[in-house]
N, C-alpha and C. Protein backbone atom coordinates (compact mmCIF):
# COMPACT_ATOMS: atom_id res chain seq x y z
N THR A 1 128.14 88.11 29.85
CA THR A 1 128.06 87.77 31.38
C THR A 1 129.05 88.63 32.00
N SER A 2 128.79 88.79 33.34
CA SER A 2 129.59 89.67 34.15
C SER A 2 130.65 88.93 35.01
N ASP A 3 131.92 89.07 34.60
CA ASP A 3 133.01 88.46 35.30
C ASP A 3 134.01 89.41 35.70
N LEU A 4 135.13 89.07 36.26
CA LEU A 4 136.13 90.00 36.86
C LEU A 4 136.65 90.91 35.80
N GLY A 5 136.96 90.53 34.58
CA GLY A 5 137.41 91.37 33.53
C GLY A 5 136.38 92.36 33.19
N MET A 6 135.18 92.07 33.15
CA MET A 6 134.07 93.03 32.77
C MET A 6 133.85 94.03 33.97
N TRP A 7 134.02 93.54 35.08
CA TRP A 7 133.92 94.42 36.28
C TRP A 7 134.92 95.45 36.29
N LEU A 8 136.21 94.90 36.06
CA LEU A 8 137.36 95.92 36.10
C LEU A 8 137.28 96.95 34.91
N ASN A 9 136.75 96.45 33.79
CA ASN A 9 136.58 97.33 32.68
C ASN A 9 135.60 98.41 32.91
N GLU A 10 134.45 98.04 33.70
CA GLU A 10 133.46 99.02 34.03
C GLU A 10 134.12 100.05 34.99
N GLY A 11 135.04 99.60 35.95
CA GLY A 11 135.61 100.55 36.69
C GLY A 11 136.66 101.60 36.10
N LEU A 12 137.15 101.00 35.01
CA LEU A 12 138.17 101.81 34.22
C LEU A 12 137.41 102.86 33.48
N PHE A 13 136.32 102.57 32.96
CA PHE A 13 135.47 103.47 32.15
C PHE A 13 134.40 104.18 32.87
N SER A 14 134.42 104.12 34.26
CA SER A 14 133.41 104.77 34.98
C SER A 14 133.56 106.27 35.12
N ASP A 15 134.69 106.96 34.60
CA ASP A 15 134.79 108.35 34.69
C ASP A 15 133.76 109.21 34.25
N PHE A 16 133.26 108.88 33.03
CA PHE A 16 132.25 109.74 32.45
C PHE A 16 130.89 108.96 32.12
N GLY A 17 130.45 108.26 33.07
CA GLY A 17 129.20 107.56 33.06
C GLY A 17 129.32 106.37 32.22
N GLY A 18 130.52 105.82 31.92
CA GLY A 18 130.62 104.61 31.13
C GLY A 18 130.70 104.88 29.67
N CYS A 19 130.97 106.09 29.20
CA CYS A 19 130.86 106.28 27.73
C CYS A 19 132.19 107.05 27.42
N GLY A 20 132.54 106.90 26.29
CA GLY A 20 133.77 107.60 25.80
C GLY A 20 135.01 106.63 25.78
N TYR A 21 136.09 107.21 25.88
CA TYR A 21 137.31 106.47 25.97
C TYR A 21 138.34 106.99 27.08
N VAL A 22 139.37 106.26 27.37
CA VAL A 22 140.21 106.65 28.36
C VAL A 22 141.53 106.78 27.66
N LEU A 23 142.25 107.93 27.87
CA LEU A 23 143.60 108.08 27.27
C LEU A 23 144.59 107.21 27.93
N LYS A 24 145.59 106.80 27.12
CA LYS A 24 146.63 106.04 27.74
C LYS A 24 147.41 107.07 28.65
N PRO A 25 147.89 106.52 29.86
CA PRO A 25 148.60 107.37 30.77
C PRO A 25 149.84 107.93 30.16
N GLU A 26 150.35 109.15 30.67
CA GLU A 26 151.58 109.70 30.05
C GLU A 26 152.75 108.80 30.17
N CYS A 27 152.83 108.13 31.27
CA CYS A 27 154.00 107.26 31.46
C CYS A 27 154.19 106.16 30.47
N LEU A 28 153.06 105.80 29.85
CA LEU A 28 153.12 104.71 28.83
C LEU A 28 153.37 105.35 27.47
N ILE A 29 153.22 106.63 27.20
CA ILE A 29 153.30 107.17 26.02
C ILE A 29 154.70 107.59 25.56
N LYS A 30 155.46 107.99 26.62
CA LYS A 30 156.80 108.60 26.42
C LYS A 30 157.85 107.64 25.61
N GLN A 31 157.91 106.45 26.05
CA GLN A 31 158.86 105.51 25.56
C GLN A 31 158.13 104.23 24.71
N PRO A 32 158.95 103.65 23.83
CA PRO A 32 158.47 102.52 23.07
C PRO A 32 158.26 101.34 24.11
N TYR A 33 158.92 101.20 25.00
CA TYR A 33 158.70 100.20 26.08
C TYR A 33 158.75 100.95 27.42
N TRP A 34 158.14 100.38 28.41
CA TRP A 34 157.90 101.02 29.70
C TRP A 34 158.60 100.24 30.84
N VAL A 35 159.40 100.88 31.58
CA VAL A 35 160.06 100.25 32.83
C VAL A 35 159.62 101.19 34.00
N PRO A 36 158.97 100.62 35.02
CA PRO A 36 158.60 101.51 36.10
C PRO A 36 159.83 102.23 36.78
N ASP A 37 159.59 103.49 37.08
CA ASP A 37 160.68 104.22 37.77
C ASP A 37 160.29 104.51 39.17
N PHE A 38 160.85 103.61 40.09
CA PHE A 38 160.52 103.60 41.44
C PHE A 38 161.13 104.67 42.23
N SER A 39 162.02 105.51 41.65
CA SER A 39 162.52 106.72 42.34
C SER A 39 161.56 107.85 42.28
N LYS A 40 160.49 107.65 41.50
CA LYS A 40 159.37 108.60 41.35
C LYS A 40 158.53 108.71 42.83
N ASP A 41 158.17 109.85 43.06
CA ASP A 41 157.46 109.96 44.41
C ASP A 41 156.20 109.09 44.36
N SER A 42 156.00 108.57 45.42
CA SER A 42 154.78 107.64 45.56
C SER A 42 153.78 108.25 46.53
N PHE A 43 152.62 107.70 46.48
CA PHE A 43 151.45 108.20 47.32
C PHE A 43 151.15 107.18 48.30
N ILE A 44 150.92 107.59 49.51
CA ILE A 44 150.41 106.65 50.54
C ILE A 44 148.95 106.78 50.67
N TYR A 45 148.13 105.72 50.45
CA TYR A 45 146.78 105.73 50.63
C TYR A 45 146.33 104.96 51.92
N LYS A 46 145.43 105.58 52.59
CA LYS A 46 144.89 105.04 53.74
C LYS A 46 143.41 104.88 53.59
N ILE A 47 142.83 103.66 53.67
CA ILE A 47 141.32 103.63 53.59
C ILE A 47 140.76 103.03 54.82
N ARG A 48 139.89 103.67 55.42
CA ARG A 48 139.21 103.23 56.60
C ARG A 48 137.86 102.80 56.23
N VAL A 49 137.40 101.67 56.34
CA VAL A 49 136.14 101.03 56.16
C VAL A 49 135.33 101.31 57.39
N LEU A 50 134.42 102.21 57.41
CA LEU A 50 133.61 102.54 58.61
C LEU A 50 132.41 101.66 58.85
N SER A 51 131.50 101.65 57.79
CA SER A 51 130.13 101.04 57.94
C SER A 51 129.60 100.65 56.62
N ALA A 52 128.47 99.97 56.57
CA ALA A 52 127.71 99.78 55.40
C ALA A 52 126.24 100.03 55.68
N ARG A 53 125.45 99.92 54.71
CA ARG A 53 124.00 100.16 54.93
C ARG A 53 123.30 99.18 54.07
N SER A 54 122.16 98.59 54.52
CA SER A 54 121.20 97.93 53.76
C SER A 54 121.80 96.81 52.91
N LEU A 55 122.56 95.92 53.43
CA LEU A 55 123.12 94.94 52.71
C LEU A 55 122.09 93.80 52.60
N PRO A 56 121.74 93.39 51.38
CA PRO A 56 120.68 92.30 51.24
C PRO A 56 121.26 90.86 51.32
N LYS A 57 120.40 89.98 51.67
CA LYS A 57 120.74 88.57 51.51
C LYS A 57 120.73 88.27 50.06
N LYS A 58 121.61 87.47 49.52
CA LYS A 58 121.77 87.13 48.16
C LYS A 58 120.45 86.26 47.81
N ARG A 59 119.79 86.61 46.66
CA ARG A 59 118.63 85.89 46.30
C ARG A 59 119.01 84.56 45.70
N GLY A 60 118.15 83.51 46.05
CA GLY A 60 118.37 82.15 45.41
C GLY A 60 119.48 81.47 46.01
N VAL A 61 120.03 81.82 47.16
CA VAL A 61 121.13 81.12 47.80
C VAL A 61 120.60 80.52 49.15
N THR A 62 120.75 79.18 49.35
CA THR A 62 120.27 78.58 50.54
C THR A 62 121.42 78.65 51.57
N SER A 63 121.02 78.96 52.75
CA SER A 63 122.04 79.06 53.78
C SER A 63 121.55 78.39 55.01
N THR A 64 122.52 77.85 55.86
CA THR A 64 122.02 77.19 57.04
C THR A 64 121.86 78.10 58.27
N LYS A 65 122.21 79.39 58.07
CA LYS A 65 122.18 80.34 59.08
C LYS A 65 120.97 81.29 59.15
N GLY A 66 120.11 81.17 58.18
CA GLY A 66 118.88 81.99 58.31
C GLY A 66 119.02 83.25 57.39
N GLU A 67 118.16 84.24 57.68
CA GLU A 67 117.99 85.39 56.81
C GLU A 67 119.06 86.52 57.04
N VAL A 68 119.83 86.49 58.10
CA VAL A 68 120.77 87.58 58.43
C VAL A 68 122.18 87.28 57.89
N ILE A 69 122.86 88.27 57.32
CA ILE A 69 124.05 87.97 56.84
C ILE A 69 125.19 88.44 57.73
N ASP A 70 126.41 87.93 57.52
CA ASP A 70 127.58 88.31 58.18
C ASP A 70 128.62 88.88 57.38
N PRO A 71 128.58 90.23 57.07
CA PRO A 71 129.27 90.87 56.03
C PRO A 71 130.72 91.11 56.37
N TYR A 72 131.55 91.05 55.35
CA TYR A 72 132.94 91.56 55.49
C TYR A 72 133.33 92.17 54.12
N VAL A 73 134.36 93.04 54.06
CA VAL A 73 134.76 93.77 53.00
C VAL A 73 136.09 93.38 52.61
N SER A 74 136.28 93.16 51.26
CA SER A 74 137.60 92.94 50.69
C SER A 74 138.00 94.20 49.89
N VAL A 75 139.15 94.88 50.25
CA VAL A 75 139.52 96.05 49.40
C VAL A 75 140.79 95.56 48.60
N ILE A 76 140.71 95.71 47.39
CA ILE A 76 141.74 95.12 46.43
C ILE A 76 142.31 96.29 45.60
N VAL A 77 143.59 96.32 45.49
CA VAL A 77 144.32 97.24 44.63
C VAL A 77 145.07 96.39 43.52
N ARG A 78 144.63 96.78 42.29
CA ARG A 78 145.26 96.15 41.19
C ARG A 78 146.10 97.18 40.48
N SER A 79 147.38 96.86 40.33
CA SER A 79 148.34 97.91 39.77
C SER A 79 149.45 97.18 39.10
N ILE A 80 150.68 97.80 39.02
CA ILE A 80 151.84 97.07 38.63
C ILE A 80 152.04 95.92 39.51
N PRO A 81 152.69 94.87 39.20
CA PRO A 81 152.71 93.66 40.04
C PRO A 81 153.33 93.89 41.45
N THR A 82 154.30 94.83 41.64
CA THR A 82 154.91 94.96 42.98
C THR A 82 154.03 95.84 43.78
N GLU A 83 152.96 96.40 43.35
CA GLU A 83 152.16 97.21 44.25
C GLU A 83 150.66 96.66 44.32
N CYS A 84 150.43 95.55 43.89
CA CYS A 84 149.04 94.88 44.09
C CYS A 84 148.95 94.49 45.55
N ALA A 85 147.65 94.59 46.01
CA ALA A 85 147.41 94.25 47.50
C ALA A 85 145.98 93.96 47.71
N GLU A 86 145.62 93.18 48.76
CA GLU A 86 144.31 92.87 49.08
C GLU A 86 144.26 92.88 50.54
N PHE A 87 143.15 93.56 51.13
CA PHE A 87 142.94 93.69 52.58
C PHE A 87 141.59 93.23 52.88
N LYS A 88 141.29 92.65 54.02
CA LYS A 88 139.90 92.17 54.40
C LYS A 88 139.65 92.74 55.73
N THR A 89 138.38 93.08 55.91
CA THR A 89 137.86 93.40 57.35
C THR A 89 137.49 92.06 57.88
N LYS A 90 137.23 92.07 59.26
CA LYS A 90 136.66 90.91 60.01
C LYS A 90 135.16 90.95 59.71
N PRO A 91 134.53 89.81 59.68
CA PRO A 91 133.08 89.79 59.52
C PRO A 91 132.31 90.32 60.76
N VAL A 92 131.24 91.10 60.44
CA VAL A 92 130.43 91.58 61.43
C VAL A 92 129.26 90.55 61.48
N MET A 93 129.12 89.95 62.58
CA MET A 93 128.17 88.85 62.74
C MET A 93 126.78 89.31 62.86
N ASN A 94 125.79 88.69 62.16
CA ASN A 94 124.37 88.90 62.28
C ASN A 94 123.96 90.30 62.04
N ASN A 95 124.51 91.10 61.18
CA ASN A 95 124.10 92.45 60.95
C ASN A 95 124.39 92.92 59.55
N GLY A 96 123.35 92.79 58.69
CA GLY A 96 123.44 93.28 57.28
C GLY A 96 122.67 94.56 57.19
N PHE A 97 121.91 94.95 58.21
CA PHE A 97 121.20 96.27 57.95
C PHE A 97 122.22 97.42 58.14
N ARG A 98 123.04 97.53 59.04
CA ARG A 98 123.94 98.65 59.36
C ARG A 98 125.32 98.10 60.07
N PRO A 99 126.02 97.33 59.43
CA PRO A 99 127.32 96.79 60.00
C PRO A 99 128.24 97.97 60.21
N GLN A 100 129.10 97.80 61.29
CA GLN A 100 130.13 98.84 61.56
C GLN A 100 131.34 98.00 61.87
N TRP A 101 132.47 98.41 61.27
CA TRP A 101 133.71 97.62 61.47
C TRP A 101 134.51 98.49 62.51
N ALA A 102 135.02 97.68 63.38
CA ALA A 102 135.95 98.28 64.53
C ALA A 102 137.36 98.07 64.10
N SER A 103 138.40 98.93 64.60
CA SER A 103 139.71 98.74 64.27
C SER A 103 140.22 97.47 65.00
N ASP A 104 141.50 97.00 64.70
CA ASP A 104 142.10 95.88 65.55
C ASP A 104 142.25 96.20 66.95
N ASN A 105 142.41 97.54 67.25
CA ASN A 105 142.48 97.90 68.69
C ASN A 105 141.01 97.87 69.28
N ASP A 106 140.90 97.27 70.50
CA ASP A 106 139.54 97.30 71.14
C ASP A 106 139.25 98.55 71.85
N ASP A 107 140.07 99.55 71.74
CA ASP A 107 139.88 100.89 72.25
C ASP A 107 138.61 101.49 71.61
N LYS A 108 137.82 102.15 72.44
CA LYS A 108 136.51 102.71 71.85
C LYS A 108 136.76 104.16 71.50
N ASN A 109 137.93 104.68 71.30
CA ASN A 109 138.10 105.99 70.85
C ASN A 109 137.60 106.22 69.34
N LEU A 110 137.11 107.32 69.13
CA LEU A 110 136.60 107.63 67.70
C LEU A 110 137.72 107.42 66.62
N GLU A 111 139.03 107.74 67.03
CA GLU A 111 140.10 107.66 66.13
C GLU A 111 140.50 106.25 65.78
N THR A 112 140.02 105.23 66.41
CA THR A 112 140.27 103.84 66.19
C THR A 112 139.14 103.25 65.49
N TYR A 113 138.16 103.91 65.18
CA TYR A 113 136.83 103.29 64.65
C TYR A 113 137.04 102.98 63.22
N GLY A 114 136.70 101.87 62.78
CA GLY A 114 136.84 101.40 61.42
C GLY A 114 138.09 100.52 61.20
N ALA A 115 137.99 99.91 60.10
CA ALA A 115 139.15 98.99 59.69
C ALA A 115 140.02 99.79 58.77
N ASP A 116 141.39 99.95 59.13
CA ASP A 116 142.33 100.72 58.44
C ASP A 116 143.07 99.83 57.49
N PHE A 117 143.38 100.33 56.23
CA PHE A 117 144.23 99.65 55.29
C PHE A 117 145.10 100.82 54.72
N ARG A 118 146.40 100.44 54.66
CA ARG A 118 147.37 101.26 54.04
C ARG A 118 148.11 100.66 52.86
N PHE A 119 148.37 101.42 51.85
CA PHE A 119 149.19 100.85 50.74
C PHE A 119 149.85 102.04 50.05
N LYS A 120 150.98 101.76 49.43
CA LYS A 120 151.73 102.67 48.77
C LYS A 120 151.73 102.45 47.21
N ILE A 121 151.49 103.55 46.42
CA ILE A 121 151.32 103.38 44.98
C ILE A 121 152.09 104.50 44.28
N THR A 122 152.87 104.03 43.36
CA THR A 122 153.71 104.92 42.56
C THR A 122 153.07 105.44 41.44
N TYR A 123 152.17 104.61 40.65
CA TYR A 123 151.54 105.01 39.45
C TYR A 123 150.01 104.93 39.73
N PRO A 124 149.29 105.79 40.26
CA PRO A 124 147.81 105.76 40.47
C PRO A 124 147.14 105.72 39.14
N GLU A 125 147.63 106.24 38.18
CA GLU A 125 146.88 106.29 36.86
C GLU A 125 146.92 104.92 36.25
N LEU A 126 147.69 103.91 36.73
CA LEU A 126 147.70 102.54 36.19
C LEU A 126 147.00 101.61 37.14
N SER A 127 146.41 102.13 38.30
CA SER A 127 145.92 101.22 39.23
C SER A 127 144.30 101.34 39.30
N LEU A 128 143.73 100.25 39.80
CA LEU A 128 142.29 100.21 39.98
C LEU A 128 142.04 99.79 41.55
N LEU A 129 141.14 100.51 42.11
CA LEU A 129 140.74 100.10 43.55
C LEU A 129 139.35 99.47 43.38
N SER A 130 139.22 98.34 44.24
CA SER A 130 137.93 97.72 44.26
C SER A 130 137.45 97.31 45.54
N PHE A 131 136.15 97.34 45.68
CA PHE A 131 135.65 96.93 47.14
C PHE A 131 134.64 95.92 46.80
N VAL A 132 134.82 94.79 47.45
CA VAL A 132 133.76 93.73 47.38
C VAL A 132 133.31 93.35 48.78
N VAL A 133 131.94 93.20 48.87
CA VAL A 133 131.29 92.91 50.14
C VAL A 133 130.76 91.48 49.98
N TYR A 134 131.28 90.56 51.02
CA TYR A 134 130.87 89.25 51.06
C TYR A 134 129.95 88.81 52.23
N ASP A 135 129.21 87.86 52.17
CA ASP A 135 128.54 87.24 53.26
C ASP A 135 129.34 86.14 53.69
N TRP A 136 129.94 86.20 54.92
CA TRP A 136 130.78 85.16 55.47
C TRP A 136 130.01 83.89 55.79
N GLU A 137 130.65 82.87 55.44
CA GLU A 137 129.97 81.49 55.73
C GLU A 137 130.98 80.66 56.43
N LYS A 138 130.57 80.00 57.47
CA LYS A 138 131.46 79.09 58.21
C LYS A 138 131.77 77.95 57.44
N ILE A 139 130.84 77.39 56.66
CA ILE A 139 130.98 76.29 55.91
C ILE A 139 130.60 76.57 54.39
N GLY A 140 131.36 76.21 53.52
CA GLY A 140 130.99 76.57 52.15
C GLY A 140 131.68 77.91 51.63
N SER A 141 131.22 78.29 50.49
CA SER A 141 131.89 79.62 49.82
C SER A 141 131.16 80.79 50.52
N HIS A 142 131.90 81.83 50.32
CA HIS A 142 131.30 83.12 50.83
C HIS A 142 130.63 83.76 49.64
N GLN A 143 129.41 84.29 49.84
CA GLN A 143 128.64 84.91 48.76
C GLN A 143 128.87 86.28 48.55
N MET A 144 129.05 86.81 47.31
CA MET A 144 129.30 88.14 47.09
C MET A 144 127.98 88.82 47.22
N ILE A 145 127.93 89.98 48.01
CA ILE A 145 126.70 90.78 48.13
C ILE A 145 126.72 91.97 47.19
N GLY A 146 127.97 92.66 47.01
CA GLY A 146 127.99 93.85 46.19
C GLY A 146 129.55 94.08 45.87
N ARG A 147 129.68 94.91 44.80
CA ARG A 147 131.07 95.35 44.39
C ARG A 147 131.13 96.60 43.79
N TYR A 148 132.29 97.21 43.88
CA TYR A 148 132.54 98.43 43.16
C TYR A 148 134.00 98.66 42.76
N ALA A 149 134.31 99.22 41.63
CA ALA A 149 135.64 99.44 41.12
C ALA A 149 135.72 100.83 40.46
N THR A 150 136.98 101.44 40.62
CA THR A 150 137.21 102.61 39.99
C THR A 150 138.66 102.81 39.88
N ARG A 151 139.13 103.79 38.97
CA ARG A 151 140.45 104.09 38.91
C ARG A 151 141.15 104.74 40.14
N LEU A 152 142.21 104.39 40.59
CA LEU A 152 142.73 105.03 41.82
C LEU A 152 142.98 106.51 41.55
N SER A 153 143.30 106.89 40.32
CA SER A 153 143.40 108.37 40.21
C SER A 153 142.21 109.12 40.39
N ASN A 154 141.05 108.47 40.30
CA ASN A 154 139.70 109.19 40.62
C ASN A 154 139.41 109.32 42.05
N VAL A 155 140.14 108.69 42.91
CA VAL A 155 139.86 108.64 44.29
C VAL A 155 140.25 109.93 44.91
N ARG A 156 139.31 110.54 45.75
CA ARG A 156 139.67 111.75 46.47
C ARG A 156 139.60 111.52 47.99
N GLU A 157 140.26 112.46 48.65
CA GLU A 157 140.32 112.35 50.13
C GLU A 157 139.05 112.67 50.78
N GLY A 158 138.77 112.24 51.94
CA GLY A 158 137.59 112.55 52.75
C GLY A 158 136.65 111.40 52.96
N TYR A 159 135.43 111.61 53.50
CA TYR A 159 134.48 110.65 53.67
C TYR A 159 133.81 110.44 52.32
N ARG A 160 133.55 109.06 52.03
CA ARG A 160 132.98 108.79 50.75
C ARG A 160 131.92 107.65 50.99
N ILE A 161 130.79 107.81 50.28
CA ILE A 161 129.73 106.76 50.27
C ILE A 161 129.95 106.11 48.87
N ILE A 162 130.22 104.70 48.93
CA ILE A 162 130.51 104.01 47.81
C ILE A 162 129.31 103.03 47.36
N PRO A 163 128.77 103.26 46.30
CA PRO A 163 127.62 102.51 45.67
C PRO A 163 128.08 101.01 45.50
N LEU A 164 127.15 100.07 45.73
CA LEU A 164 127.41 98.65 45.45
C LEU A 164 126.61 98.24 44.35
N PHE A 165 127.24 97.34 43.46
CA PHE A 165 126.60 96.76 42.27
C PHE A 165 126.66 95.20 42.47
N ASP A 166 125.58 94.48 41.94
CA ASP A 166 125.49 93.04 42.11
C ASP A 166 126.49 92.41 40.95
N ASP A 167 126.25 91.09 40.99
CA ASP A 167 127.31 90.29 40.03
C ASP A 167 126.76 90.51 38.65
N GLN A 168 125.61 91.12 38.28
CA GLN A 168 125.27 91.30 36.97
C GLN A 168 125.56 92.86 36.49
N GLY A 169 126.10 93.69 37.47
CA GLY A 169 126.30 95.01 37.10
C GLY A 169 125.21 96.00 37.49
N ARG A 170 124.13 95.54 38.08
CA ARG A 170 123.01 96.41 38.44
C ARG A 170 123.24 96.92 39.85
N ARG A 171 122.77 98.20 40.07
CA ARG A 171 122.98 98.81 41.37
C ARG A 171 122.04 98.09 42.40
N VAL A 172 122.68 97.78 43.54
CA VAL A 172 122.01 97.24 44.63
C VAL A 172 121.18 98.27 45.26
N PRO A 173 119.92 98.27 45.40
CA PRO A 173 119.07 99.41 46.04
C PRO A 173 119.55 99.72 47.43
N LEU A 174 119.77 100.91 47.74
CA LEU A 174 120.14 101.43 49.12
C LEU A 174 121.39 100.85 49.67
N ALA A 175 122.10 99.94 49.12
CA ALA A 175 123.19 99.35 49.68
C ALA A 175 124.43 100.11 49.31
N ASN A 176 125.27 100.50 50.28
CA ASN A 176 126.63 101.18 50.06
C ASN A 176 127.52 101.03 51.24
N LEU A 177 128.80 101.36 50.97
CA LEU A 177 129.81 101.45 51.97
C LEU A 177 130.07 102.86 52.34
N PHE A 178 130.57 102.97 53.56
CA PHE A 178 130.92 104.43 54.10
C PHE A 178 132.44 104.27 54.52
N CYS A 179 133.26 104.99 53.86
CA CYS A 179 134.61 104.95 54.02
C CYS A 179 135.30 106.41 54.16
N GLU A 180 136.44 106.38 54.84
CA GLU A 180 137.29 107.59 54.93
C GLU A 180 138.64 107.31 54.16
N ILE A 181 138.97 108.23 53.36
CA ILE A 181 140.16 108.01 52.59
C ILE A 181 141.12 109.21 52.74
N TYR A 182 142.39 108.68 53.05
CA TYR A 182 143.49 109.74 53.09
C TYR A 182 144.49 109.54 52.02
N ILE A 183 145.12 110.52 51.43
CA ILE A 183 146.14 110.35 50.46
C ILE A 183 147.33 111.28 50.86
N ARG A 184 148.41 110.69 51.05
CA ARG A 184 149.70 111.51 51.32
C ARG A 184 150.71 111.38 50.40
């Protein structure tokens, strides 16, 4: 079955098409026990969730609101305990075909377009970045539409199209997220 552990494992081994092995990071090899060194230079990551495309209604789920979904994105960083973080966009109401997220500023400048999330990471080789798209429900639980996970050390700067997978690990046809990533 596909659960959170399996999903994160898929993200960890996604480097080479899901085959092979992943070497232990250098920081874990040097000493018999490991203590994080926070004097080490850290990286500032900024992720801007801009839009999504072709987000389907989850099959077999009854809803009181009809056929259109209200998507929102959860961006989760799993790392050493002091650097874990979770961020969520606001839901875009009645738009699963091409939702676009606006920044918290209501200014219409292009620079403020998208939902921005910032976090600081000291050890990207020990961190996983995951995106989960949910259908917001006013009453009841939010339904997961798609998900994606990867090692943070694999993330590159620039505009990125992120594929989405369902809860069984199958690619959701045509569904993806469009994000902008900065690393400093």
